[in-house]
Protein backbone atom coordinates (compact mmCIF):
# COMPACT_ATOMS: atom_id res chain seq x y z
CA UNK A 1 39.74 7.47 -28.25
CA UNK A 2 42.90 7.30 -26.10
CA UNK A 3 40.82 6.34 -23.10
CA UNK A 4 39.22 3.55 -25.13
CA UNK A 5 42.67 2.21 -26.12
CA UNK A 6 43.78 2.29 -22.48
CA UNK A 7 40.63 0.42 -21.45
CA UNK A 8 41.29 -2.20 -24.13
CA UNK A 9 44.91 -2.62 -22.96
CA UNK A 10 43.76 -2.93 -19.36
CA UNK A 11 41.15 -5.53 -20.32
CA UNK A 12 43.78 -7.47 -22.30
CA UNK A 13 46.24 -7.44 -19.37
CA UNK A 14 43.47 -8.49 -16.98
CA UNK A 15 42.53 -11.36 -19.31
CA UNK A 16 46.20 -12.45 -19.48
CA UNK A 17 46.48 -12.28 -15.69
CA UNK A 18 43.29 -14.30 -15.18
CA UNK A 19 44.46 -16.91 -17.68
CA UNK A 20 47.81 -17.20 -15.87
CA UNK A 21 45.96 -17.69 -12.58
CA UNK A 22 43.82 -20.38 -14.19
CA UNK A 23 46.91 -22.15 -15.55
CA UNK A 24 48.57 -22.16 -12.13
CA UNK A 25 45.33 -23.30 -10.48
CA UNK A 26 45.02 -26.23 -12.88
CA UNK A 27 48.64 -27.25 -12.26
CA UNK A 28 48.34 -27.09 -8.51
CA UNK A 29 45.02 -28.90 -8.34
CA UNK A 30 46.27 -31.63 -10.69
CA UNK A 31 49.32 -32.10 -8.45
CA UNK A 32 47.08 -32.22 -5.40
CA UNK A 33 44.79 -34.82 -6.98
CA UNK A 34 47.82 -36.93 -7.84
CA UNK A 35 49.13 -36.68 -4.28
CA UNK A 36 45.75 -37.52 -2.77
CA UNK A 37 45.36 -40.58 -5.00
CA UNK A 38 48.77 -41.83 -3.89
CA UNK A 39 48.07 -41.19 -0.22
CA UNK A 40 44.57 -42.67 -0.37
CA UNK A 41 45.91 -45.88 -1.83
CA UNK A 42 48.27 -46.23 1.13
CA UNK A 43 45.72 -45.72 3.92
CA UNK A 44 46.19 -48.53 6.42
CA UNK A 45 44.58 -47.18 9.57
CA UNK A 46 42.38 -44.44 10.96
CA UNK A 47 45.35 -42.17 11.65
CA UNK A 48 46.25 -42.27 7.94
CA UNK A 49 42.68 -41.32 7.07
CA UNK A 50 42.64 -38.36 9.45
CA UNK A 51 46.00 -37.21 8.11
CA UNK A 52 44.52 -37.21 4.60
CA UNK A 53 41.48 -35.32 5.84
CA UNK A 54 43.67 -32.67 7.49
CA UNK A 55 45.81 -32.37 4.37
CA UNK A 56 42.74 -31.84 2.20
CA UNK A 57 41.29 -29.27 4.59
CA UNK A 58 44.53 -27.32 4.66
CA UNK A 59 44.98 -27.43 0.90
CA UNK A 60 41.39 -26.37 0.29
CA UNK A 61 41.87 -23.33 2.50
CA UNK A 62 45.18 -22.44 0.78
CA UNK A 63 43.89 -22.90 -2.76
CA UNK A 64 40.55 -21.13 -2.21
CA UNK A 65 42.35 -17.95 -1.16
CA UNK A 66 45.28 -18.14 -3.54
CA UNK A 67 43.50 -17.99 -6.89
CA UNK A 68 41.15 -15.04 -6.45
CA UNK A 69 41.98 -12.27 -8.95
CA UNK A 70 42.73 -8.99 -7.22
CA UNK A 71 44.42 -6.30 -9.30
CA UNK A 72 45.91 -4.65 -6.22
CA UNK A 73 47.75 -7.80 -5.09
CA UNK A 74 48.39 -9.54 -8.42
CA UNK A 75 52.14 -8.81 -8.44
CA UNK A 76 52.51 -10.50 -5.04
CA UNK A 77 50.17 -13.32 -6.04
CA UNK A 78 52.16 -14.04 -9.20
CA UNK A 79 55.47 -13.83 -7.33
CA UNK A 80 54.19 -16.45 -4.91
CA UNK A 81 53.04 -18.71 -7.74
CA UNK A 82 56.39 -18.37 -9.54
CA UNK A 83 58.27 -19.07 -6.32
CA UNK A 84 56.11 -22.14 -5.65
CA UNK A 85 56.65 -23.38 -9.21
CA UNK A 86 53.05 -23.17 -10.44
CA UNK A 87 53.91 -20.44 -12.97
CA UNK A 88 57.03 -19.37 -14.78
CA UNK A 89 57.99 -15.88 -15.82
CA UNK A 90 57.73 -16.70 -19.54
CA UNK A 91 54.00 -17.20 -19.06
CA UNK A 92 53.71 -13.62 -17.82
CA UNK A 93 55.76 -11.94 -20.56
CA UNK A 94 52.69 -10.30 -22.12
CA UNK A 95 52.19 -8.23 -18.97
CA UNK A 96 53.93 -4.89 -18.55
CA UNK A 97 57.72 -5.36 -18.40
CA UNK A 98 57.97 -3.42 -15.14
CA UNK A 99 55.33 -5.70 -13.61
CA UNK A 100 57.20 -8.84 -14.71
CA UNK A 101 60.40 -7.35 -13.30
CA UNK A 102 58.73 -6.80 -9.91
CA UNK A 103 57.31 -10.31 -9.95
CA UNK A 104 60.73 -11.72 -10.76
CA UNK A 105 62.41 -9.80 -7.96
CA UNK A 106 59.79 -10.79 -5.39
CA UNK A 107 59.90 -14.45 -6.45
CA UNK A 108 63.63 -14.55 -5.71
CA UNK A 109 63.12 -13.36 -2.12
């Protein structure tokens, strides 16, 4: 029964972590869409268009790799998201306190 409780706790923490990743993803993609709309409305020449293309390509590469759940790197992933402003530590408070402490310390670096 103890193993079952541990599995349930692990599943709950994983669900919390995945939800936090989803929240940060939605924030970052919304901000990107807003930025792209503003930039697209100010395109005046071909150079502006290529700049927008390059920006989108770069952001797609960054975002595609950033929001993949990986339990072995999640502390570093969350620290990055906190540092970038897409998550805040209060949103992670349901995780283990020692994990949140590590995330907090890394985000300050």
